[in-house]
Amino acid sequence: MDWDKRQAVCPRGSTSTWWSPASQRGTPAIVVKFDKQTCQACPVHDQCTRSRTGGRSLSLQPREQQEALDQARAEQSGRSRSPAGDAPATAACPRHTSNTPSPRSR
């Protein structure tokens, strides 16, 4: 996750094409999207997104909250952050990038 460039990189190395502040159920969020054609041609598409028509998308907390969440996930899974501050948990677990429940979990 490159917060300064406002870009995310998927596990296969593709860079996001869209990053926008948003409000989800009244809570500040950041929505990140990846190119539809790139995702649909990817051999691990089904492991990365449930979307059949679009590309991968992420819903993130604002930076400070997301970084704290990623750190906690890394600690729980036994992984530590790199010296550069990269948080491996988000990239390693693409379907669980937010603690906001998905509509399917209700």
PDB file of N, CA and C in Angstrom:
ATOM      1  N   MET A   1       0.843  -1.164   0.000  1.00  0.00           N
ATOM      2  CA  MET A   1       0.000   0.000   0.000  1.00  0.00           C
ATOM      3  C   MET A   1       0.894   1.234   0.000  1.00  0.00           C
ATOM      4  N   ASP A   2       0.713   2.080  -0.976  1.00  0.00           N
ATOM      5  CA  ASP A   2       1.474   3.332  -1.003  1.00  0.00           C
ATOM      6  C   ASP A   2       0.496   4.472  -0.766  1.00  0.00           C
ATOM      7  N   TRP A   3       0.419   4.895   0.488  1.00  0.00           N
ATOM      8  CA  TRP A   3      -0.550   5.921   0.875  1.00  0.00           C
ATOM      9  C   TRP A   3      -0.235   7.263   0.226  1.00  0.00           C
ATOM     10  N   ASP A   4       1.045   7.583   0.066  1.00  0.00           N
ATOM     11  CA  ASP A   4       1.412   8.874  -0.508  1.00  0.00           C
ATOM     12  C   ASP A   4       1.076   8.954  -1.997  1.00  0.00           C
ATOM     13  N   LYS A   5       1.277   7.860  -2.721  1.00  0.00           N
ATOM     14  CA  LYS A   5       0.934   7.823  -4.149  1.00  0.00           C
ATOM     15  C   LYS A   5      -0.528   7.456  -4.384  1.00  0.00           C
ATOM     16  N   ARG A   6      -1.201   7.069  -3.300  1.00  0.00           N
ATOM     17  CA  ARG A   6      -2.607   6.647  -3.376  1.00  0.00           C
ATOM     18  C   ARG A   6      -2.774   5.473  -4.347  1.00  0.00           C
ATOM     19  N   GLN A   7      -1.977   4.433  -4.105  1.00  0.00           N
ATOM     20  CA  GLN A   7      -2.017   3.234  -4.924  1.00  0.00           C
ATOM     21  C   GLN A   7      -1.874   1.992  -4.060  1.00  0.00           C
ATOM     22  N   ALA A   8      -2.485   0.933  -4.535  1.00  0.00           N
ATOM     23  CA  ALA A   8      -2.335  -0.378  -3.907  1.00  0.00           C
ATOM     24  C   ALA A   8      -1.786  -1.325  -4.975  1.00  0.00           C
ATOM     25  N   VAL A   9      -1.137  -2.382  -4.522  1.00  0.00           N
ATOM     26  CA  VAL A   9      -0.608  -3.383  -5.438  1.00  0.00           C
ATOM     27  C   VAL A   9      -1.229  -4.720  -5.056  1.00  0.00           C
ATOM     28  N   CYS A  10      -1.752  -5.419  -6.035  1.00  0.00           N
ATOM     29  CA  CYS A  10      -2.374  -6.718  -5.764  1.00  0.00           C
ATOM     30  C   CYS A  10      -1.291  -7.763  -5.536  1.00  0.00           C
ATOM     31  N   PRO A  11      -1.665  -8.942  -5.028  1.00  0.00           N
ATOM     32  CA  PRO A  11      -0.673  -9.994  -4.783  1.00  0.00           C
ATOM     33  C   PRO A  11       0.112 -10.411  -6.031  1.00  0.00           C
ATOM     34  N   ARG A  12      -0.444 -10.191  -7.222  1.00  0.00           N
ATOM     35  CA  ARG A  12       0.245 -10.542  -8.465  1.00  0.00           C
ATOM     36  C   ARG A  12       1.047  -9.378  -9.041  1.00  0.00           C
ATOM     37  N   GLY A  13       1.032  -8.207  -8.366  1.00  0.00           N
ATOM     38  CA  GLY A  13       1.869  -7.091  -8.780  1.00  0.00           C
ATOM     39  C   GLY A  13       1.192  -5.996  -9.589  1.00  0.00           C
ATOM     40  N   SER A  14      -0.095  -6.112  -9.883  1.00  0.00           N
ATOM     41  CA  SER A  14      -0.798  -5.061 -10.625  1.00  0.00           C
ATOM     42  C   SER A  14      -1.106  -3.889  -9.700  1.00  0.00           C
ATOM     43  N   THR A  15      -0.999  -2.686 -10.235  1.00  0.00           N
ATOM     44  CA  THR A  15      -1.236  -1.477  -9.460  1.00  0.00           C
ATOM     45  C   THR A  15      -2.673  -1.019  -9.642  1.00  0.00           C
ATOM     46  N   SER A  16      -3.264  -0.524  -8.576  1.00  0.00           N
ATOM     47  CA  SER A  16      -4.643  -0.032  -8.643  1.00  0.00           C
ATOM     48  C   SER A  16      -4.748   1.133  -9.621  1.00  0.00           C
ATOM     49  N   THR A  17      -5.935   1.310 -10.173  1.00  0.00           N
ATOM     50  CA  THR A  17      -6.165   2.377 -11.147  1.00  0.00           C
ATOM     51  C   THR A  17      -7.069   3.471 -10.601  1.00  0.00           C
ATOM     52  N   TRP A  18      -7.650   3.264  -9.410  1.00  0.00           N
ATOM     53  CA  TRP A  18      -8.599   4.232  -8.859  1.00  0.00           C
ATOM     54  C   TRP A  18      -8.514   4.206  -7.348  1.00  0.00           C
ATOM     55  N   TRP A  19      -8.511   5.367  -6.717  1.00  0.00           N
ATOM     56  CA  TRP A  19      -8.414   5.505  -5.258  1.00  0.00           C
ATOM     57  C   TRP A  19      -9.266   6.697  -4.892  1.00  0.00           C
ATOM     58  N   SER A  20     -10.258   6.521  -4.045  1.00  0.00           N
ATOM     59  CA  SER A  20     -11.139   7.641  -3.736  1.00  0.00           C
ATOM     60  C   SER A  20     -11.633   7.580  -2.296  1.00  0.00           C
ATOM     61  N   PRO A  21     -11.594   8.728  -1.604  1.00  0.00           N
ATOM     62  CA  PRO A  21     -12.233   8.788  -0.285  1.00  0.00           C
ATOM     63  C   PRO A  21     -13.734   8.550  -0.464  1.00  0.00           C
ATOM     64  N   ALA A  22     -14.342   7.925   0.511  1.00  0.00           N
ATOM     65  CA  ALA A  22     -15.769   7.616   0.430  1.00  0.00           C
ATOM     66  C   ALA A  22     -16.358   7.580   1.834  1.00  0.00           C
ATOM     67  N   SER A  23     -17.646   7.366   1.883  1.00  0.00           N
ATOM     68  CA  SER A  23     -18.337   7.156   3.145  1.00  0.00           C
ATOM     69  C   SER A  23     -19.133   5.868   2.997  1.00  0.00           C
ATOM     70  N   GLN A  24     -18.880   4.928   3.881  1.00  0.00           N
ATOM     71  CA  GLN A  24     -19.599   3.653   3.855  1.00  0.00           C
ATOM     72  C   GLN A  24     -20.382   3.511   5.148  1.00  0.00           C
ATOM     73  N   ARG A  25     -21.689   3.553   5.017  1.00  0.00           N
ATOM     74  CA  ARG A  25     -22.587   3.499   6.184  1.00  0.00           C
ATOM     75  C   ARG A  25     -22.242   4.594   7.185  1.00  0.00           C
ATOM     76  N   GLY A  26     -21.892   5.781   6.671  1.00  0.00           N
ATOM     77  CA  GLY A  26     -21.587   6.915   7.525  1.00  0.00           C
ATOM     78  C   GLY A  26     -20.187   6.932   8.099  1.00  0.00           C
ATOM     79  N   THR A  27     -19.359   5.963   7.730  1.00  0.00           N
ATOM     80  CA  THR A  27     -17.997   5.871   8.241  1.00  0.00           C
ATOM     81  C   THR A  27     -17.021   6.245   7.131  1.00  0.00           C
ATOM     82  N   PRO A  28     -16.014   7.078   7.433  1.00  0.00           N
ATOM     83  CA  PRO A  28     -15.019   7.412   6.410  1.00  0.00           C
ATOM     84  C   PRO A  28     -14.290   6.157   5.929  1.00  0.00           C
ATOM     85  N   ALA A  29     -14.051   6.096   4.636  1.00  0.00           N
ATOM     86  CA  ALA A  29     -13.377   4.947   4.042  1.00  0.00           C
ATOM     87  C   ALA A  29     -12.616   5.406   2.808  1.00  0.00           C
ATOM     88  N   ILE A  30     -11.834   4.508   2.270  1.00  0.00           N
ATOM     89  CA  ILE A  30     -11.143   4.728   1.003  1.00  0.00           C
ATOM     90  C   ILE A  30     -11.462   3.520   0.139  1.00  0.00           C
ATOM     91  N   VAL A  31     -11.921   3.778  -1.065  1.00  0.00           N
ATOM     92  CA  VAL A  31     -12.231   2.701  -1.998  1.00  0.00           C
ATOM     93  C   VAL A  31     -11.139   2.679  -3.059  1.00  0.00           C
ATOM     94  N   VAL A  32     -10.569   1.511  -3.263  1.00  0.00           N
ATOM     95  CA  VAL A  32      -9.488   1.308  -4.224  1.00  0.00           C
ATOM     96  C   VAL A  32      -9.966   0.280  -5.237  1.00  0.00           C
ATOM     97  N   LYS A  33      -9.745   0.570  -6.516  1.00  0.00           N
ATOM     98  CA  LYS A  33     -10.178  -0.366  -7.563  1.00  0.00           C
ATOM     99  C   LYS A  33      -9.026  -0.680  -8.502  1.00  0.00           C
ATOM    100  N   PHE A  34      -9.106  -1.879  -9.078  1.00  0.00           N
ATOM    101  CA  PHE A  34      -8.123  -2.350 -10.044  1.00  0.00           C
ATOM    102  C   PHE A  34      -8.791  -2.501 -11.405  1.00  0.00           C
ATOM    103  N   ASP A  35      -7.986  -2.446 -12.460  1.00  0.00           N
ATOM    104  CA  ASP A  35      -8.488  -2.522 -13.824  1.00  0.00           C
ATOM    105  C   ASP A  35      -9.250  -3.824 -14.094  1.00  0.00           C
ATOM    106  N   LYS A  36     -10.434  -3.679 -14.643  1.00  0.00           N
ATOM    107  CA  LYS A  36     -11.311  -4.818 -14.920  1.00  0.00           C
ATOM    108  C   LYS A  36     -10.642  -5.829 -15.857  1.00  0.00           C
ATOM    109  N   GLN A  37     -10.072  -5.362 -16.947  1.00  0.00           N
ATOM    110  CA  GLN A  37      -9.474  -6.279 -17.923  1.00  0.00           C
ATOM    111  C   GLN A  37      -8.263  -7.004 -17.333  1.00  0.00           C
ATOM    112  N   THR A  38      -7.465  -6.310 -16.564  1.00  0.00           N
ATOM    113  CA  THR A  38      -6.299  -6.930 -15.933  1.00  0.00           C
ATOM    114  C   THR A  38      -6.737  -8.028 -14.975  1.00  0.00           C
ATOM    115  N   CYS A  39      -7.741  -7.737 -14.164  1.00  0.00           N
ATOM    116  CA  CYS A  39      -8.213  -8.721 -13.179  1.00  0.00           C
ATOM    117  C   CYS A  39      -8.868  -9.926 -13.848  1.00  0.00           C
ATOM    118  N   GLN A  40      -9.680  -9.687 -14.853  1.00  0.00           N
ATOM    119  CA  GLN A  40     -10.379 -10.804 -15.495  1.00  0.00           C
ATOM    120  C   GLN A  40      -9.420 -11.740 -16.214  1.00  0.00           C
ATOM    121  N   ALA A  41      -8.286 -11.227 -16.692  1.00  0.00           N
ATOM    122  CA  ALA A  41      -7.304 -12.063 -17.375  1.00  0.00           C
ATOM    123  C   ALA A  41      -6.350 -12.758 -16.400  1.00  0.00           C
ATOM    124  N   CYS A  42      -6.390 -12.396 -15.135  1.00  0.00           N
ATOM    125  CA  CYS A  42      -5.466 -12.925 -14.139  1.00  0.00           C
ATOM    126  C   CYS A  42      -5.779 -14.386 -13.806  1.00  0.00           C
ATOM    127  N   PRO A  43      -4.769 -15.249 -13.738  1.00  0.00           N
ATOM    128  CA  PRO A  43      -5.012 -16.661 -13.436  1.00  0.00           C
ATOM    129  C   PRO A  43      -5.487 -16.927 -12.002  1.00  0.00           C
ATOM    130  N   VAL A  44      -5.307 -15.972 -11.093  1.00  0.00           N
ATOM    131  CA  VAL A  44      -5.763 -16.178  -9.715  1.00  0.00           C
ATOM    132  C   VAL A  44      -6.953 -15.269  -9.372  1.00  0.00           C
ATOM    133  N   HIS A  45      -7.675 -14.840 -10.378  1.00  0.00           N
ATOM    134  CA  HIS A  45      -8.826 -13.946 -10.212  1.00  0.00           C
ATOM    135  C   HIS A  45      -9.779 -14.429  -9.122  1.00  0.00           C
ATOM    136  N   ASP A  46     -10.129 -15.696  -9.137  1.00  0.00           N
ATOM    137  CA  ASP A  46     -11.103 -16.227  -8.175  1.00  0.00           C
ATOM    138  C   ASP A  46     -10.582 -16.244  -6.739  1.00  0.00           C
ATOM    139  N   GLN A  47      -9.282 -16.196  -6.543  1.00  0.00           N
ATOM    140  CA  GLN A  47      -8.715 -16.144  -5.203  1.00  0.00           C
ATOM    141  C   GLN A  47      -8.640 -14.711  -4.674  1.00  0.00           C
ATOM    142  N   CYS A  48      -8.830 -13.756  -5.556  1.00  0.00           N
ATOM    143  CA  CYS A  48      -8.625 -12.354  -5.218  1.00  0.00           C
ATOM    144  C   CYS A  48      -9.933 -11.567  -5.082  1.00  0.00           C
ATOM    145  N   THR A  49     -10.945 -11.935  -5.845  1.00  0.00           N
ATOM    146  CA  THR A  49     -12.212 -11.205  -5.827  1.00  0.00           C
ATOM    147  C   THR A  49     -13.367 -12.130  -6.176  1.00  0.00           C
ATOM    148  N   ARG A  50     -14.528 -11.771  -5.698  1.00  0.00           N
ATOM    149  CA  ARG A  50     -15.743 -12.526  -6.038  1.00  0.00           C
ATOM    150  C   ARG A  50     -16.436 -11.928  -7.255  1.00  0.00           C
ATOM    151  N   SER A  51     -15.986 -10.768  -7.696  1.00  0.00           N
ATOM    152  CA  SER A  51     -16.612 -10.070  -8.809  1.00  0.00           C
ATOM    153  C   SER A  51     -16.494 -10.874 -10.099  1.00  0.00           C
ATOM    154  N   ARG A  52     -17.594 -11.043 -10.775  1.00  0.00           N
ATOM    155  CA  ARG A  52     -17.605 -11.728 -12.066  1.00  0.00           C
ATOM    156  C   ARG A  52     -17.529 -10.732 -13.218  1.00  0.00           C
ATOM    157  N   THR A  53     -17.873  -9.476 -12.958  1.00  0.00           N
ATOM    158  CA  THR A  53     -17.924  -8.490 -14.033  1.00  0.00           C
ATOM    159  C   THR A  53     -16.902  -7.373 -13.896  1.00  0.00           C
ATOM    160  N   GLY A  54     -16.357  -7.164 -12.715  1.00  0.00           N
ATOM    161  CA  GLY A  54     -15.418  -6.062 -12.504  1.00  0.00           C
ATOM    162  C   GLY A  54     -14.073  -6.558 -12.040  1.00  0.00           C
ATOM    163  N   GLY A  55     -13.227  -5.611 -11.698  1.00  0.00           N
ATOM    164  CA  GLY A  55     -11.922  -5.938 -11.163  1.00  0.00           C
ATOM    165  C   GLY A  55     -11.964  -5.979  -9.644  1.00  0.00           C
ATOM    166  N   ARG A  56     -10.831  -6.222  -9.072  1.00  0.00           N
ATOM    167  CA  ARG A  56     -10.693  -6.255  -7.618  1.00  0.00           C
ATOM    168  C   ARG A  56     -10.956  -4.874  -7.041  1.00  0.00           C
ATOM    169  N   SER A  57     -11.592  -4.833  -5.890  1.00  0.00           N
ATOM    170  CA  SER A  57     -11.765  -3.562  -5.182  1.00  0.00           C
ATOM    171  C   SER A  57     -11.499  -3.792  -3.698  1.00  0.00           C
ATOM    172  N   LEU A  58     -10.985  -2.751  -3.060  1.00  0.00           N
ATOM    173  CA  LEU A  58     -10.681  -2.800  -1.636  1.00  0.00           C
ATOM    174  C   LEU A  58     -11.415  -1.675  -0.940  1.00  0.00           C
ATOM    175  N   SER A  59     -11.876  -1.919   0.251  1.00  0.00           N
ATOM    176  CA  SER A  59     -12.425  -0.871   1.111  1.00  0.00           C
ATOM    177  C   SER A  59     -11.495  -0.766   2.305  1.00  0.00           C
ATOM    178  N   LEU A  60     -10.887   0.397   2.447  1.00  0.00           N
ATOM    179  CA  LEU A  60      -9.915   0.615   3.508  1.00  0.00           C
ATOM    180  C   LEU A  60     -10.424   1.624   4.517  1.00  0.00           C
ATOM    181  N   GLN A  61      -9.898   1.539   5.710  1.00  0.00           N
ATOM    182  CA  GLN A  61     -10.132   2.556   6.725  1.00  0.00           C
ATOM    183  C   GLN A  61      -9.234   3.748   6.387  1.00  0.00           C
ATOM    184  N   PRO A  62      -9.472   4.918   6.970  1.00  0.00           N
ATOM    185  CA  PRO A  62      -8.499   6.006   6.813  1.00  0.00           C
ATOM    186  C   PRO A  62      -7.114   5.520   7.249  1.00  0.00           C
ATOM    187  N   ARG A  63      -6.074   6.140   6.741  1.00  0.00           N
ATOM    188  CA  ARG A  63      -4.701   5.646   6.871  1.00  0.00           C
ATOM    189  C   ARG A  63      -4.301   5.188   8.274  1.00  0.00           C
ATOM    190  N   GLU A  64      -4.450   6.030   9.269  1.00  0.00           N
ATOM    191  CA  GLU A  64      -4.000   5.661  10.622  1.00  0.00           C
ATOM    192  C   GLU A  64      -4.743   4.435  11.138  1.00  0.00           C
ATOM    193  N   GLN A  65      -6.039   4.377  10.918  1.00  0.00           N
ATOM    194  CA  GLN A  65      -6.824   3.231  11.378  1.00  0.00           C
ATOM    195  C   GLN A  65      -6.445   1.971  10.612  1.00  0.00           C
ATOM    196  N   GLN A  66      -6.251   2.081   9.284  1.00  0.00           N
ATOM    197  CA  GLN A  66      -5.902   0.919   8.474  1.00  0.00           C
ATOM    198  C   GLN A  66      -4.530   0.382   8.846  1.00  0.00           C
ATOM    199  N   GLU A  67      -3.584   1.286   9.070  1.00  0.00           N
ATOM    200  CA  GLU A  67      -2.241   0.831   9.454  1.00  0.00           C
ATOM    201  C   GLU A  67      -2.262   0.123  10.808  1.00  0.00           C
ATOM    202  N   ALA A  68      -3.053   0.623  11.750  1.00  0.00           N
ATOM    203  CA  ALA A  68      -3.174  -0.043  13.051  1.00  0.00           C
ATOM    204  C   ALA A  68      -3.830  -1.413  12.885  1.00  0.00           C
ATOM    205  N   LEU A  69      -4.840  -1.501  12.045  1.00  0.00           N
ATOM    206  CA  LEU A  69      -5.527  -2.765  11.784  1.00  0.00           C
ATOM    207  C   LEU A  69      -4.579  -3.767  11.124  1.00  0.00           C
ATOM    208  N   ASP A  70      -3.826  -3.307  10.125  1.00  0.00           N
ATOM    209  CA  ASP A  70      -2.863  -4.187   9.458  1.00  0.00           C
ATOM    210  C   ASP A  70      -1.791  -4.682  10.434  1.00  0.00           C
ATOM    211  N   GLN A  71      -1.335  -3.792  11.312  1.00  0.00           N
ATOM    212  CA  GLN A  71      -0.333  -4.178  12.305  1.00  0.00           C
ATOM    213  C   GLN A  71      -0.891  -5.250  13.247  1.00  0.00           C
ATOM    214  N   ALA A  72      -2.099  -5.053  13.711  1.00  0.00           N
ATOM    215  CA  ALA A  72      -2.721  -6.032  14.611  1.00  0.00           C
ATOM    216  C   ALA A  72      -2.891  -7.375  13.915  1.00  0.00           C
ATOM    217  N   ARG A  73      -3.299  -7.359  12.652  1.00  0.00           N
ATOM    218  CA  ARG A  73      -3.444  -8.614  11.899  1.00  0.00           C
ATOM    219  C   ARG A  73      -2.095  -9.297  11.726  1.00  0.00           C
ATOM    220  N   ALA A  74      -1.065  -8.513  11.442  1.00  0.00           N
ATOM    221  CA  ALA A  74       0.269  -9.091  11.273  1.00  0.00           C
ATOM    222  C   ALA A  74       0.743  -9.735  12.576  1.00  0.00           C
ATOM    223  N   GLU A  75       0.496  -9.076  13.692  1.00  0.00           N
ATOM    224  CA  GLU A  75       0.889  -9.627  14.987  1.00  0.00           C
ATOM    225  C   GLU A  75       0.115 -10.895  15.311  1.00  0.00           C
ATOM    226  N   GLN A  76      -1.173 -10.911  14.998  1.00  0.00           N
ATOM    227  CA  GLN A  76      -1.983 -12.093  15.275  1.00  0.00           C
ATOM    228  C   GLN A  76      -1.551 -13.285  14.434  1.00  0.00           C
ATOM    229  N   SER A  77      -1.110 -13.020  13.221  1.00  0.00           N
ATOM    230  CA  SER A  77      -0.723 -14.121  12.340  1.00  0.00           C
ATOM    231  C   SER A  77       0.740 -14.503  12.503  1.00  0.00           C
ATOM    232  N   GLY A  78       1.442 -13.796  13.396  1.00  0.00           N
ATOM    233  CA  GLY A  78       2.834 -14.124  13.650  1.00  0.00           C
ATOM    234  C   GLY A  78       3.804 -13.446  12.705  1.00  0.00           C
ATOM    235  N   ARG A  79       3.289 -12.591  11.825  1.00  0.00           N
ATOM    236  CA  ARG A  79       4.160 -11.857  10.909  1.00  0.00           C
ATOM    237  C   ARG A  79       4.460 -10.497  11.504  1.00  0.00           C
ATOM    238  N   SER A  80       5.602  -9.965  11.197  1.00  0.00           N
ATOM    239  CA  SER A  80       5.922  -8.618  11.668  1.00  0.00           C
ATOM    240  C   SER A  80       6.025  -7.689  10.471  1.00  0.00           C
ATOM    241  N   ARG A  81       5.953  -6.408  10.762  1.00  0.00           N
ATOM    242  CA  ARG A  81       6.071  -5.413   9.701  1.00  0.00           C
ATOM    243  C   ARG A  81       7.522  -5.310   9.267  1.00  0.00           C
ATOM    244  N   SER A  82       7.717  -4.970   8.008  1.00  0.00           N
ATOM    245  CA  SER A  82       9.074  -4.761   7.519  1.00  0.00           C
ATOM    246  C   SER A  82       9.591  -3.426   8.035  1.00  0.00           C
ATOM    247  N   PRO A  83      10.902  -3.199   7.988  1.00  0.00           N
ATOM    248  CA  PRO A  83      11.449  -1.920   8.449  1.00  0.00           C
ATOM    249  C   PRO A  83      10.878  -0.730   7.691  1.00  0.00           C
ATOM    250  N   ALA A  84      10.455  -0.929   6.441  1.00  0.00           N
ATOM    251  CA  ALA A  84       9.889   0.159   5.646  1.00  0.00           C
ATOM    252  C   ALA A  84       8.459   0.471   6.062  1.00  0.00           C
ATOM    253  N   GLY A  85       7.883  -0.346   6.907  1.00  0.00           N
ATOM    254  CA  GLY A  85       6.525  -0.101   7.374  1.00  0.00           C
ATOM    255  C   GLY A  85       5.454  -0.741   6.510  1.00  0.00           C
ATOM    256  N   ASP A  86       5.854  -1.596   5.562  1.00  0.00           N
ATOM    257  CA  ASP A  86       4.861  -2.265   4.735  1.00  0.00           C
ATOM    258  C   ASP A  86       4.079  -3.245   5.598  1.00  0.00           C
ATOM    259  N   ALA A  87       2.794  -3.283   5.409  1.00  0.00           N
ATOM    260  CA  ALA A  87       1.963  -4.197   6.182  1.00  0.00           C
ATOM    261  C   ALA A  87       1.594  -5.390   5.318  1.00  0.00           C
ATOM    262  N   PRO A  88       2.140  -6.561   5.574  1.00  0.00           N
ATOM    263  CA  PRO A  88       1.875  -7.706   4.715  1.00  0.00           C
ATOM    264  C   PRO A  88       0.478  -8.280   4.851  1.00  0.00           C
ATOM    265  N   ALA A  89      -0.223  -7.997   5.920  1.00  0.00           N
ATOM    266  CA  ALA A  89      -1.496  -8.659   6.158  1.00  0.00           C
ATOM    267  C   ALA A  89      -2.542  -8.322   5.110  1.00  0.00           C
ATOM    268  N   THR A  90      -2.626  -7.086   4.670  1.00  0.00           N
ATOM    269  CA  THR A  90      -3.643  -6.707   3.705  1.00  0.00           C
ATOM    270  C   THR A  90      -3.429  -7.414   2.374  1.00  0.00           C
ATOM    271  N   ALA A  91      -2.211  -7.413   1.877  1.00  0.00           N
ATOM    272  CA  ALA A  91      -1.940  -8.043   0.594  1.00  0.00           C
ATOM    273  C   ALA A  91      -2.092  -9.554   0.675  1.00  0.00           C
ATOM    274  N   ALA A  92      -1.737 -10.129   1.807  1.00  0.00           N
ATOM    275  CA  ALA A  92      -1.801 -11.576   1.936  1.00  0.00           C
ATOM    276  C   ALA A  92      -3.225 -12.076   2.102  1.00  0.00           C
ATOM    277  N   CYS A  93      -4.103 -11.229   2.515  1.00  0.00           N
ATOM    278  CA  CYS A  93      -5.474 -11.632   2.782  1.00  0.00           C
ATOM    279  C   CYS A  93      -6.413 -10.652   2.070  1.00  0.00           C
ATOM    280  N   PRO A  94      -6.500 -10.716   0.727  1.00  0.00           N
ATOM    281  CA  PRO A  94      -7.190  -9.689  -0.037  1.00  0.00           C
ATOM    282  C   PRO A  94      -8.671  -9.537   0.257  1.00  0.00           C
ATOM    283  N   ARG A  95      -9.333 -10.581   0.699  1.00  0.00           N
ATOM    284  CA  ARG A  95     -10.769 -10.450   0.950  1.00  0.00           C
ATOM    285  C   ARG A  95     -11.074  -9.863   2.317  1.00  0.00           C
ATOM    286  N   HIS A  96     -10.063  -9.658   3.143  1.00  0.00           N
ATOM    287  CA  HIS A  96     -10.279  -9.157   4.494  1.00  0.00           C
ATOM    288  C   HIS A  96      -9.474  -7.889   4.720  1.00  0.00           C
ATOM    289  N   THR A  97      -9.819  -6.832   3.979  1.00  0.00           N
ATOM    290  CA  THR A  97      -9.065  -5.598   4.088  1.00  0.00           C
ATOM    291  C   THR A  97      -9.762  -4.578   4.957  1.00  0.00           C
ATOM    292  N   SER A  98     -10.930  -4.891   5.438  1.00  0.00           N
ATOM    293  CA  SER A  98     -11.680  -3.949   6.256  1.00  0.00           C
ATOM    294  C   SER A  98     -12.393  -4.728   7.343  1.00  0.00           C
ATOM    295  N   ASN A  99     -12.621  -4.083   8.474  1.00  0.00           N
ATOM    296  CA  ASN A  99     -13.370  -4.773   9.509  1.00  0.00           C
ATOM    297  C   ASN A  99     -14.861  -4.504   9.375  1.00  0.00           C
ATOM    298  N   THR A 100     -15.257  -3.869   8.261  1.00  0.00           N
ATOM    299  CA  THR A 100     -16.666  -3.659   7.982  1.00  0.00           C
ATOM    300  C   THR A 100     -17.251  -4.957   7.470  1.00  0.00           C
ATOM    301  N   PRO A 101     -18.347  -5.449   8.065  1.00  0.00           N
ATOM    302  CA  PRO A 101     -18.905  -6.715   7.611  1.00  0.00           C
ATOM    303  C   PRO A 101     -19.398  -6.621   6.179  1.00  0.00           C
ATOM    304  N   SER A 102     -19.200  -7.685   5.438  1.00  0.00           N
ATOM    305  CA  SER A 102     -19.699  -7.701   4.067  1.00  0.00           C
ATOM    306  C   SER A 102     -21.204  -7.983   4.097  1.00  0.00           C
ATOM    307  N   PRO A 103     -21.906  -7.595   3.034  1.00  0.00           N
ATOM    308  CA  PRO A 103     -23.348  -7.851   3.003  1.00  0.00           C
ATOM    309  C   PRO A 103     -23.679  -9.338   3.116  1.00  0.00           C
ATOM    310  N   ARG A 104     -22.769 -10.210   2.666  1.00  0.00           N
ATOM    311  CA  ARG A 104     -23.017 -11.642   2.705  1.00  0.00           C
ATOM    312  C   ARG A 104     -22.911 -12.229   4.112  1.00  0.00           C
ATOM    313  N   SER A 105     -22.275 -11.486   5.034  1.00  0.00           N
ATOM    314  CA  SER A 105     -22.085 -12.032   6.380  1.00  0.00           C
ATOM    315  C   SER A 105     -23.256 -11.759   7.310  1.00  0.00           C
ATOM    316  N   ARG A 106     -24.248 -11.088   6.809  1.00  0.00           N
ATOM    317  CA  ARG A 106     -25.409 -10.762   7.653  1.00  0.00           C
ATOM    318  C   ARG A 106     -26.468 -11.822   7.600  1.00  0.00           C
TER     319      ARG A 106
END
